[in-house]
Amino acid sequence: MTSIADELIADMKAVFGDDRKRIDHALNVLGFADRIRAVEGGDVVVIQAAAVLHDIGIHEAERKNGSAAGRYQEMEGPAIAAGILYKHDVDEDRVAHVIRIIANHHSARDIDTLEFRVLWDADWLLNFPERFSEASAADCADRIQEIFKTDTGREIALSLFAGSSHSHSQPVDSKGRFLR
């Protein structure tokens, strides 16, 4: 029996087509989100749906606006995600929550639910190395304290990016392995 996450992954892959970078990003965000949720809690359907679909509007943002900037993703993603979620009979309250997360996943405006915080941290665990590749371990630790919203996300980030034995300039996957 397939899970809702498996069904959403198939739809996400259909939207992204051969865009391996975006597909891998979504799958790694899902992996981190599941790790964080296992400790922090939260609605598994909302968290997994938000993780898989958080960047679903990126191609439409590029097509309409010539940019993949976060604000355009936040504008284009909710409608695409809602269509996918309704196709899988996700209930109205969960759809509303997921699209609210997607509509704020770069800006963190007007939302502070546990599910949002889990998605925020999971996404930042993948984006942090790119944004702070030149930062020292101490600077990384300070930024992690400012950016991350869950204790678990913060602990993972500190272990990956602020330890003396870790290279914070390399991206990692959801298992903490360095990507090439």
N, C-alpha and C. Protein backbone atom coordinates (compact mmCIF):
# COMPACT_ATOMS: atom_id res chain seq x y z
N MET A 1 0.84 -1.18 0.00
CA MET A 1 0.00 0.00 0.00
C MET A 1 0.89 1.25 0.00
N THR A 2 0.59 2.19 -0.85
CA THR A 2 1.39 3.41 -0.91
C THR A 2 0.89 4.42 0.10
N SER A 3 1.81 5.20 0.60
CA SER A 3 1.45 6.25 1.55
C SER A 3 1.14 7.53 0.79
N ILE A 4 0.54 8.49 1.48
CA ILE A 4 0.27 9.79 0.86
C ILE A 4 1.58 10.43 0.41
N ALA A 5 2.64 10.25 1.17
CA ALA A 5 3.93 10.83 0.78
C ALA A 5 4.39 10.24 -0.56
N ASP A 6 4.23 8.93 -0.74
CA ASP A 6 4.63 8.31 -2.01
C ASP A 6 3.82 8.87 -3.18
N GLU A 7 2.52 9.06 -2.96
CA GLU A 7 1.66 9.62 -4.01
C GLU A 7 2.06 11.06 -4.33
N LEU A 8 2.36 11.84 -3.31
CA LEU A 8 2.76 13.24 -3.52
C LEU A 8 4.12 13.32 -4.21
N ILE A 9 5.01 12.41 -3.85
CA ILE A 9 6.33 12.36 -4.50
C ILE A 9 6.16 12.10 -5.99
N ALA A 10 5.30 11.18 -6.35
CA ALA A 10 5.07 10.88 -7.77
C ALA A 10 4.56 12.12 -8.49
N ASP A 11 3.63 12.86 -7.88
CA ASP A 11 3.11 14.08 -8.50
C ASP A 11 4.16 15.17 -8.56
N MET A 12 4.95 15.30 -7.51
CA MET A 12 6.02 16.30 -7.50
C MET A 12 7.01 16.01 -8.62
N LYS A 13 7.36 14.74 -8.80
CA LYS A 13 8.29 14.36 -9.86
C LYS A 13 7.69 14.66 -11.23
N ALA A 14 6.40 14.48 -11.38
CA ALA A 14 5.74 14.78 -12.66
C ALA A 14 5.81 16.27 -12.96
N VAL A 15 5.62 17.10 -11.94
CA VAL A 15 5.69 18.55 -12.12
C VAL A 15 7.13 18.96 -12.45
N PHE A 16 8.10 18.42 -11.75
CA PHE A 16 9.49 18.82 -11.96
C PHE A 16 10.14 18.15 -13.17
N GLY A 17 9.54 17.08 -13.68
CA GLY A 17 10.08 16.43 -14.88
C GLY A 17 11.50 15.95 -14.66
N ASP A 18 12.42 16.41 -15.51
CA ASP A 18 13.81 15.96 -15.42
C ASP A 18 14.68 16.89 -14.58
N ASP A 19 14.07 17.72 -13.77
CA ASP A 19 14.80 18.65 -12.90
C ASP A 19 15.25 17.91 -11.64
N ARG A 20 16.31 17.14 -11.77
CA ARG A 20 16.83 16.30 -10.69
C ARG A 20 17.19 17.12 -9.44
N LYS A 21 17.73 18.31 -9.64
CA LYS A 21 18.13 19.15 -8.51
C LYS A 21 16.93 19.44 -7.61
N ARG A 22 15.81 19.81 -8.21
CA ARG A 22 14.62 20.15 -7.42
C ARG A 22 13.99 18.91 -6.78
N ILE A 23 13.99 17.82 -7.53
CA ILE A 23 13.45 16.57 -6.99
C ILE A 23 14.28 16.12 -5.79
N ASP A 24 15.59 16.09 -5.95
CA ASP A 24 16.46 15.67 -4.85
C ASP A 24 16.32 16.59 -3.64
N HIS A 25 16.20 17.89 -3.90
CA HIS A 25 16.02 18.84 -2.80
C HIS A 25 14.75 18.49 -2.01
N ALA A 26 13.64 18.29 -2.72
CA ALA A 26 12.38 17.98 -2.04
C ALA A 26 12.48 16.68 -1.25
N LEU A 27 13.11 15.68 -1.82
CA LEU A 27 13.25 14.40 -1.12
C LEU A 27 14.13 14.52 0.12
N ASN A 28 15.18 15.32 0.04
CA ASN A 28 16.04 15.52 1.20
C ASN A 28 15.36 16.37 2.26
N VAL A 29 14.56 17.35 1.86
CA VAL A 29 13.76 18.11 2.84
C VAL A 29 12.80 17.17 3.54
N LEU A 30 12.18 16.28 2.79
CA LEU A 30 11.28 15.28 3.40
C LEU A 30 12.04 14.42 4.41
N GLY A 31 13.23 13.99 4.07
CA GLY A 31 14.01 13.18 5.01
C GLY A 31 14.32 13.93 6.30
N PHE A 32 14.76 15.18 6.18
CA PHE A 32 15.02 15.98 7.38
C PHE A 32 13.73 16.26 8.14
N ALA A 33 12.65 16.54 7.43
CA ALA A 33 11.37 16.82 8.10
C ALA A 33 10.91 15.60 8.91
N ASP A 34 11.06 14.41 8.34
CA ASP A 34 10.69 13.20 9.08
C ASP A 34 11.57 13.02 10.31
N ARG A 35 12.86 13.31 10.19
CA ARG A 35 13.77 13.21 11.35
C ARG A 35 13.36 14.19 12.45
N ILE A 36 13.07 15.41 12.06
CA ILE A 36 12.70 16.43 13.05
C ILE A 36 11.33 16.09 13.66
N ARG A 37 10.37 15.70 12.83
CA ARG A 37 9.03 15.37 13.32
C ARG A 37 9.06 14.20 14.30
N ALA A 38 9.95 13.24 14.08
CA ALA A 38 10.04 12.08 14.97
C ALA A 38 10.31 12.51 16.41
N VAL A 39 10.98 13.64 16.59
CA VAL A 39 11.29 14.14 17.92
C VAL A 39 10.30 15.23 18.35
N GLU A 40 10.03 16.16 17.47
CA GLU A 40 9.23 17.33 17.81
C GLU A 40 7.72 17.08 17.76
N GLY A 41 7.29 16.11 16.96
CA GLY A 41 5.86 15.85 16.78
C GLY A 41 5.30 16.64 15.62
N GLY A 42 3.98 16.68 15.54
CA GLY A 42 3.28 17.40 14.48
C GLY A 42 2.50 16.45 13.60
N ASP A 43 1.64 17.01 12.79
CA ASP A 43 0.78 16.26 11.88
C ASP A 43 1.63 15.70 10.74
N VAL A 44 1.74 14.40 10.67
CA VAL A 44 2.61 13.76 9.69
C VAL A 44 2.17 14.07 8.26
N VAL A 45 0.88 14.11 8.00
CA VAL A 45 0.40 14.39 6.63
C VAL A 45 0.76 15.81 6.23
N VAL A 46 0.52 16.77 7.11
CA VAL A 46 0.84 18.17 6.80
C VAL A 46 2.34 18.34 6.59
N ILE A 47 3.14 17.77 7.47
CA ILE A 47 4.59 17.93 7.37
C ILE A 47 5.12 17.27 6.11
N GLN A 48 4.71 16.05 5.83
CA GLN A 48 5.22 15.38 4.64
C GLN A 48 4.75 16.07 3.36
N ALA A 49 3.49 16.49 3.33
CA ALA A 49 2.98 17.19 2.15
C ALA A 49 3.72 18.50 1.94
N ALA A 50 3.92 19.26 3.01
CA ALA A 50 4.64 20.54 2.89
C ALA A 50 6.08 20.31 2.44
N ALA A 51 6.71 19.26 2.97
CA ALA A 51 8.10 18.98 2.59
C ALA A 51 8.21 18.62 1.11
N VAL A 52 7.34 17.75 0.65
CA VAL A 52 7.40 17.30 -0.74
C VAL A 52 7.03 18.43 -1.70
N LEU A 53 6.07 19.26 -1.31
CA LEU A 53 5.51 20.25 -2.24
C LEU A 53 5.97 21.69 -1.99
N HIS A 54 6.85 21.93 -1.05
CA HIS A 54 7.17 23.31 -0.67
C HIS A 54 7.70 24.16 -1.83
N ASP A 55 8.43 23.58 -2.75
CA ASP A 55 8.98 24.32 -3.90
C ASP A 55 8.22 24.05 -5.19
N ILE A 56 7.03 23.50 -5.12
CA ILE A 56 6.30 23.04 -6.30
C ILE A 56 6.01 24.17 -7.29
N GLY A 57 6.01 25.40 -6.85
CA GLY A 57 5.74 26.53 -7.74
C GLY A 57 6.95 27.13 -8.41
N ILE A 58 8.11 26.52 -8.24
CA ILE A 58 9.35 27.14 -8.72
C ILE A 58 9.39 27.26 -10.25
N HIS A 59 8.96 26.24 -10.97
CA HIS A 59 8.98 26.33 -12.43
C HIS A 59 7.99 27.37 -12.93
N GLU A 60 6.82 27.43 -12.31
CA GLU A 60 5.83 28.44 -12.69
C GLU A 60 6.33 29.83 -12.35
N ALA A 61 7.03 29.98 -11.24
CA ALA A 61 7.62 31.27 -10.87
C ALA A 61 8.64 31.69 -11.93
N GLU A 62 9.46 30.76 -12.36
CA GLU A 62 10.46 31.07 -13.40
C GLU A 62 9.78 31.43 -14.72
N ARG A 63 8.73 30.69 -15.06
CA ARG A 63 8.02 30.94 -16.31
C ARG A 63 7.33 32.31 -16.30
N LYS A 64 6.62 32.61 -15.22
CA LYS A 64 5.85 33.86 -15.16
C LYS A 64 6.70 35.09 -14.85
N ASN A 65 7.71 34.91 -14.01
CA ASN A 65 8.46 36.05 -13.48
C ASN A 65 9.92 36.07 -13.88
N GLY A 66 10.37 35.03 -14.56
CA GLY A 66 11.77 34.95 -14.93
C GLY A 66 12.69 34.81 -13.74
N SER A 67 12.15 34.32 -12.62
CA SER A 67 12.91 34.24 -11.38
C SER A 67 12.37 33.12 -10.50
N ALA A 68 13.28 32.46 -9.82
CA ALA A 68 12.90 31.44 -8.83
C ALA A 68 12.92 32.01 -7.42
N ALA A 69 12.93 33.32 -7.29
CA ALA A 69 12.99 33.97 -5.98
C ALA A 69 11.87 33.45 -5.08
N GLY A 70 12.18 33.38 -3.80
CA GLY A 70 11.24 32.85 -2.82
C GLY A 70 9.87 33.48 -2.87
N ARG A 71 9.79 34.77 -3.04
CA ARG A 71 8.47 35.44 -3.05
C ARG A 71 7.61 34.95 -4.21
N TYR A 72 8.24 34.65 -5.34
CA TYR A 72 7.48 34.13 -6.48
C TYR A 72 7.06 32.68 -6.25
N GLN A 73 7.92 31.91 -5.61
CA GLN A 73 7.54 30.53 -5.25
C GLN A 73 6.35 30.55 -4.29
N GLU A 74 6.39 31.48 -3.34
CA GLU A 74 5.29 31.60 -2.38
C GLU A 74 3.98 31.98 -3.06
N MET A 75 4.05 32.72 -4.15
CA MET A 75 2.85 33.13 -4.89
C MET A 75 2.33 31.99 -5.76
N GLU A 76 3.20 31.27 -6.43
CA GLU A 76 2.78 30.28 -7.42
C GLU A 76 2.54 28.89 -6.83
N GLY A 77 3.23 28.54 -5.77
CA GLY A 77 3.16 27.19 -5.23
C GLY A 77 1.83 26.76 -4.63
N PRO A 78 1.15 27.62 -3.88
CA PRO A 78 -0.08 27.16 -3.21
C PRO A 78 -1.15 26.59 -4.14
N ALA A 79 -1.42 27.22 -5.25
CA ALA A 79 -2.47 26.72 -6.15
C ALA A 79 -2.10 25.36 -6.74
N ILE A 80 -0.84 25.20 -7.11
CA ILE A 80 -0.39 23.92 -7.66
C ILE A 80 -0.48 22.84 -6.59
N ALA A 81 -0.02 23.16 -5.39
CA ALA A 81 -0.06 22.19 -4.28
C ALA A 81 -1.50 21.82 -3.94
N ALA A 82 -2.39 22.80 -3.89
CA ALA A 82 -3.79 22.51 -3.55
C ALA A 82 -4.39 21.52 -4.54
N GLY A 83 -4.14 21.73 -5.84
CA GLY A 83 -4.66 20.81 -6.84
C GLY A 83 -4.17 19.39 -6.62
N ILE A 84 -2.91 19.26 -6.30
CA ILE A 84 -2.33 17.93 -6.04
C ILE A 84 -2.95 17.32 -4.78
N LEU A 85 -3.06 18.10 -3.74
CA LEU A 85 -3.59 17.58 -2.47
C LEU A 85 -5.06 17.17 -2.60
N TYR A 86 -5.86 17.98 -3.26
CA TYR A 86 -7.27 17.63 -3.44
C TYR A 86 -7.42 16.36 -4.28
N LYS A 87 -6.54 16.17 -5.24
CA LYS A 87 -6.55 14.96 -6.08
C LYS A 87 -6.41 13.70 -5.23
N HIS A 88 -5.72 13.84 -4.09
CA HIS A 88 -5.49 12.70 -3.20
C HIS A 88 -6.41 12.71 -1.99
N ASP A 89 -7.48 13.49 -2.09
CA ASP A 89 -8.52 13.53 -1.05
C ASP A 89 -7.99 13.93 0.32
N VAL A 90 -7.00 14.81 0.35
CA VAL A 90 -6.54 15.36 1.63
C VAL A 90 -7.63 16.30 2.12
N ASP A 91 -7.94 16.23 3.40
CA ASP A 91 -9.05 17.03 3.94
C ASP A 91 -8.75 18.53 3.89
N GLU A 92 -9.82 19.30 3.88
CA GLU A 92 -9.77 20.75 3.69
C GLU A 92 -8.85 21.47 4.69
N ASP A 93 -8.91 21.09 5.96
CA ASP A 93 -8.07 21.76 6.97
C ASP A 93 -6.58 21.51 6.71
N ARG A 94 -6.25 20.30 6.36
CA ARG A 94 -4.84 20.00 6.07
C ARG A 94 -4.37 20.71 4.80
N VAL A 95 -5.21 20.73 3.77
CA VAL A 95 -4.84 21.45 2.55
C VAL A 95 -4.59 22.92 2.88
N ALA A 96 -5.47 23.52 3.65
CA ALA A 96 -5.31 24.93 4.01
C ALA A 96 -4.00 25.15 4.77
N HIS A 97 -3.68 24.24 5.67
CA HIS A 97 -2.44 24.36 6.45
C HIS A 97 -1.21 24.23 5.55
N VAL A 98 -1.22 23.22 4.68
CA VAL A 98 -0.07 23.00 3.79
C VAL A 98 0.12 24.20 2.87
N ILE A 99 -0.95 24.71 2.28
CA ILE A 99 -0.76 25.82 1.35
C ILE A 99 -0.35 27.10 2.09
N ARG A 100 -0.76 27.22 3.33
CA ARG A 100 -0.29 28.36 4.13
C ARG A 100 1.21 28.25 4.41
N ILE A 101 1.67 27.04 4.69
CA ILE A 101 3.10 26.82 4.88
C ILE A 101 3.86 27.16 3.59
N ILE A 102 3.39 26.63 2.46
CA ILE A 102 4.06 26.88 1.19
C ILE A 102 4.08 28.37 0.86
N ALA A 103 2.99 29.06 1.18
CA ALA A 103 2.89 30.50 0.89
C ALA A 103 3.80 31.35 1.77
N ASN A 104 4.44 30.72 2.76
CA ASN A 104 5.29 31.46 3.70
C ASN A 104 6.65 30.78 3.92
N HIS A 105 6.99 29.79 3.13
CA HIS A 105 8.17 28.98 3.47
C HIS A 105 9.50 29.69 3.26
N HIS A 106 9.50 30.84 2.62
CA HIS A 106 10.73 31.65 2.51
C HIS A 106 10.68 32.86 3.43
N SER A 107 9.51 33.37 3.68
CA SER A 107 9.37 34.64 4.41
C SER A 107 9.00 34.47 5.88
N ALA A 108 8.39 33.35 6.23
CA ALA A 108 7.93 33.09 7.60
C ALA A 108 6.97 34.18 8.10
N ARG A 109 6.16 34.70 7.20
CA ARG A 109 5.16 35.70 7.59
C ARG A 109 3.92 35.01 8.13
N ASP A 110 3.38 35.55 9.16
CA ASP A 110 2.03 35.19 9.62
C ASP A 110 1.79 33.70 9.83
N ILE A 111 2.80 32.96 10.20
CA ILE A 111 2.60 31.55 10.52
C ILE A 111 3.66 31.10 11.50
N ASP A 112 3.23 30.37 12.51
CA ASP A 112 4.17 29.81 13.49
C ASP A 112 3.56 28.55 14.09
N THR A 113 3.25 27.59 13.23
CA THR A 113 2.75 26.30 13.70
C THR A 113 3.93 25.34 13.82
N LEU A 114 3.73 24.30 14.58
CA LEU A 114 4.78 23.28 14.72
C LEU A 114 5.15 22.72 13.35
N GLU A 115 4.15 22.45 12.53
CA GLU A 115 4.41 21.88 11.21
C GLU A 115 5.23 22.84 10.35
N PHE A 116 4.92 24.13 10.43
CA PHE A 116 5.71 25.12 9.70
C PHE A 116 7.15 25.13 10.19
N ARG A 117 7.34 25.12 11.51
CA ARG A 117 8.70 25.16 12.07
C ARG A 117 9.51 23.94 11.64
N VAL A 118 8.88 22.77 11.58
CA VAL A 118 9.57 21.56 11.13
C VAL A 118 10.00 21.72 9.67
N LEU A 119 9.08 22.18 8.81
CA LEU A 119 9.43 22.37 7.40
C LEU A 119 10.51 23.43 7.24
N TRP A 120 10.39 24.54 7.95
CA TRP A 120 11.37 25.63 7.89
C TRP A 120 12.78 25.08 8.17
N ASP A 121 12.89 24.35 9.27
CA ASP A 121 14.20 23.81 9.66
C ASP A 121 14.71 22.78 8.65
N ALA A 122 13.83 21.90 8.17
CA ALA A 122 14.26 20.89 7.20
C ALA A 122 14.79 21.55 5.93
N ASP A 123 14.11 22.60 5.46
CA ASP A 123 14.55 23.31 4.26
C ASP A 123 15.86 24.04 4.52
N TRP A 124 15.98 24.68 5.67
CA TRP A 124 17.22 25.39 6.01
C TRP A 124 18.41 24.45 6.15
N LEU A 125 18.17 23.23 6.60
CA LEU A 125 19.29 22.28 6.71
C LEU A 125 19.94 22.03 5.35
N LEU A 126 19.17 22.15 4.29
CA LEU A 126 19.74 21.99 2.95
C LEU A 126 20.24 23.30 2.37
N ASN A 127 19.62 24.41 2.74
CA ASN A 127 20.00 25.71 2.17
C ASN A 127 21.13 26.40 2.93
N PHE A 128 21.33 26.04 4.18
CA PHE A 128 22.31 26.70 5.03
C PHE A 128 23.73 26.69 4.44
N PRO A 129 24.22 25.54 3.96
CA PRO A 129 25.61 25.52 3.45
C PRO A 129 25.83 26.51 2.31
N GLU A 130 24.85 26.64 1.45
CA GLU A 130 24.98 27.57 0.32
C GLU A 130 24.98 29.02 0.79
N ARG A 131 24.13 29.32 1.73
CA ARG A 131 24.00 30.70 2.20
C ARG A 131 25.17 31.14 3.07
N PHE A 132 25.78 30.22 3.78
CA PHE A 132 26.83 30.58 4.74
C PHE A 132 28.12 29.81 4.49
N SER A 133 28.45 29.60 3.24
CA SER A 133 29.62 28.80 2.89
C SER A 133 30.93 29.41 3.36
N GLU A 134 30.98 30.71 3.52
CA GLU A 134 32.23 31.38 3.92
C GLU A 134 32.30 31.65 5.43
N ALA A 135 31.26 31.29 6.15
CA ALA A 135 31.20 31.61 7.58
C ALA A 135 32.07 30.66 8.40
N SER A 136 32.64 31.18 9.47
CA SER A 136 33.39 30.34 10.40
C SER A 136 32.42 29.46 11.19
N ALA A 137 32.94 28.45 11.86
CA ALA A 137 32.10 27.58 12.68
C ALA A 137 31.36 28.39 13.74
N ALA A 138 32.04 29.36 14.35
CA ALA A 138 31.41 30.19 15.38
C ALA A 138 30.29 31.04 14.78
N ASP A 139 30.55 31.62 13.61
CA ASP A 139 29.50 32.40 12.94
C ASP A 139 28.33 31.51 12.55
N CYS A 140 28.64 30.31 12.08
CA CYS A 140 27.57 29.37 11.75
C CYS A 140 26.72 29.07 12.97
N ALA A 141 27.36 28.84 14.10
CA ALA A 141 26.62 28.54 15.33
C ALA A 141 25.69 29.70 15.70
N ASP A 142 26.17 30.93 15.56
CA ASP A 142 25.33 32.09 15.85
C ASP A 142 24.15 32.16 14.90
N ARG A 143 24.39 31.96 13.62
CA ARG A 143 23.33 32.02 12.61
C ARG A 143 22.31 30.90 12.84
N ILE A 144 22.78 29.73 13.21
CA ILE A 144 21.88 28.60 13.48
C ILE A 144 20.94 28.95 14.62
N GLN A 145 21.49 29.56 15.67
CA GLN A 145 20.64 29.96 16.80
C GLN A 145 19.56 30.95 16.37
N GLU A 146 19.89 31.83 15.44
CA GLU A 146 18.94 32.84 14.97
C GLU A 146 17.90 32.26 14.02
N ILE A 147 18.31 31.36 13.15
CA ILE A 147 17.47 30.91 12.04
C ILE A 147 16.56 29.76 12.41
N PHE A 148 17.08 28.75 13.06
CA PHE A 148 16.33 27.52 13.26
C PHE A 148 15.26 27.67 14.33
N LYS A 149 14.13 26.99 14.12
CA LYS A 149 12.94 27.19 14.94
C LYS A 149 12.60 26.02 15.85
N THR A 150 13.25 24.88 15.68
CA THR A 150 13.02 23.74 16.57
C THR A 150 14.34 23.35 17.22
N ASP A 151 14.25 22.79 18.40
CA ASP A 151 15.47 22.32 19.07
C ASP A 151 16.15 21.23 18.25
N THR A 152 15.37 20.34 17.67
CA THR A 152 15.94 19.24 16.90
C THR A 152 16.63 19.75 15.64
N GLY A 153 15.98 20.65 14.92
CA GLY A 153 16.60 21.24 13.73
C GLY A 153 17.89 21.95 14.07
N ARG A 154 17.86 22.68 15.17
CA ARG A 154 19.05 23.40 15.63
C ARG A 154 20.18 22.42 15.98
N GLU A 155 19.86 21.33 16.66
CA GLU A 155 20.87 20.34 17.03
C GLU A 155 21.49 19.70 15.78
N ILE A 156 20.65 19.35 14.81
CA ILE A 156 21.17 18.76 13.57
C ILE A 156 22.09 19.75 12.87
N ALA A 157 21.63 21.00 12.77
CA ALA A 157 22.42 22.03 12.09
C ALA A 157 23.75 22.26 12.80
N LEU A 158 23.73 22.33 14.11
CA LEU A 158 24.97 22.53 14.84
C LEU A 158 25.94 21.37 14.60
N SER A 159 25.41 20.15 14.58
CA SER A 159 26.29 18.99 14.37
C SER A 159 26.86 18.97 12.95
N LEU A 160 26.08 19.46 11.98
CA LEU A 160 26.54 19.44 10.59
C LEU A 160 27.43 20.61 10.22
N PHE A 161 27.12 21.80 10.76
CA PHE A 161 27.74 23.02 10.23
C PHE A 161 28.59 23.82 11.21
N ALA A 162 28.50 23.53 12.49
CA ALA A 162 29.24 24.35 13.45
C ALA A 162 30.30 23.56 14.20
N GLY A 163 30.42 22.29 13.91
CA GLY A 163 31.45 21.49 14.56
C GLY A 163 32.78 21.64 13.85
N SER A 164 33.84 21.53 14.59
CA SER A 164 35.17 21.72 14.00
C SER A 164 35.51 20.62 12.99
N SER A 165 34.87 19.45 13.10
CA SER A 165 35.20 18.37 12.19
C SER A 165 34.31 18.34 10.95
N HIS A 166 33.38 19.29 10.85
CA HIS A 166 32.45 19.30 9.73
C HIS A 166 32.75 20.46 8.80
N SER A 167 32.65 20.20 7.53
CA SER A 167 32.81 21.25 6.52
C SER A 167 31.45 21.82 6.21
N HIS A 168 31.17 23.03 6.67
CA HIS A 168 29.86 23.64 6.46
C HIS A 168 29.70 24.22 5.07
N SER A 169 30.73 24.13 4.25
CA SER A 169 30.61 24.66 2.90
C SER A 169 30.06 23.63 1.92
N GLN A 170 29.90 22.38 2.32
CA GLN A 170 29.36 21.35 1.45
C GLN A 170 27.92 21.07 1.81
N PRO A 171 27.03 20.94 0.80
CA PRO A 171 25.65 20.58 1.10
C PRO A 171 25.57 19.14 1.59
N VAL A 172 24.52 18.84 2.34
CA VAL A 172 24.32 17.52 2.90
C VAL A 172 22.95 17.01 2.51
N ASP A 173 22.77 15.69 2.60
CA ASP A 173 21.45 15.13 2.38
C ASP A 173 20.77 14.92 3.72
N SER A 174 19.57 14.36 3.70
CA SER A 174 18.79 14.23 4.93
C SER A 174 19.37 13.23 5.92
N LYS A 175 20.35 12.46 5.50
CA LYS A 175 21.03 11.55 6.43
C LYS A 175 22.33 12.15 6.94
N GLY A 176 22.58 13.42 6.57
CA GLY A 176 23.78 14.11 7.02
C GLY A 176 25.01 13.78 6.18
N ARG A 177 24.82 13.09 5.06
CA ARG A 177 25.95 12.76 4.18
C ARG A 177 26.23 13.94 3.28
N PHE A 178 27.48 14.21 3.04
CA PHE A 178 27.84 15.32 2.17
C PHE A 178 27.54 14.96 0.72
N LEU A 179 26.92 15.90 0.02
CA LEU A 179 26.61 15.73 -1.40
C LEU A 179 27.78 16.22 -2.22
N ARG A 180 27.93 15.74 -3.39
CA ARG A 180 28.97 16.19 -4.30
C ARG A 180 28.42 17.21 -5.25
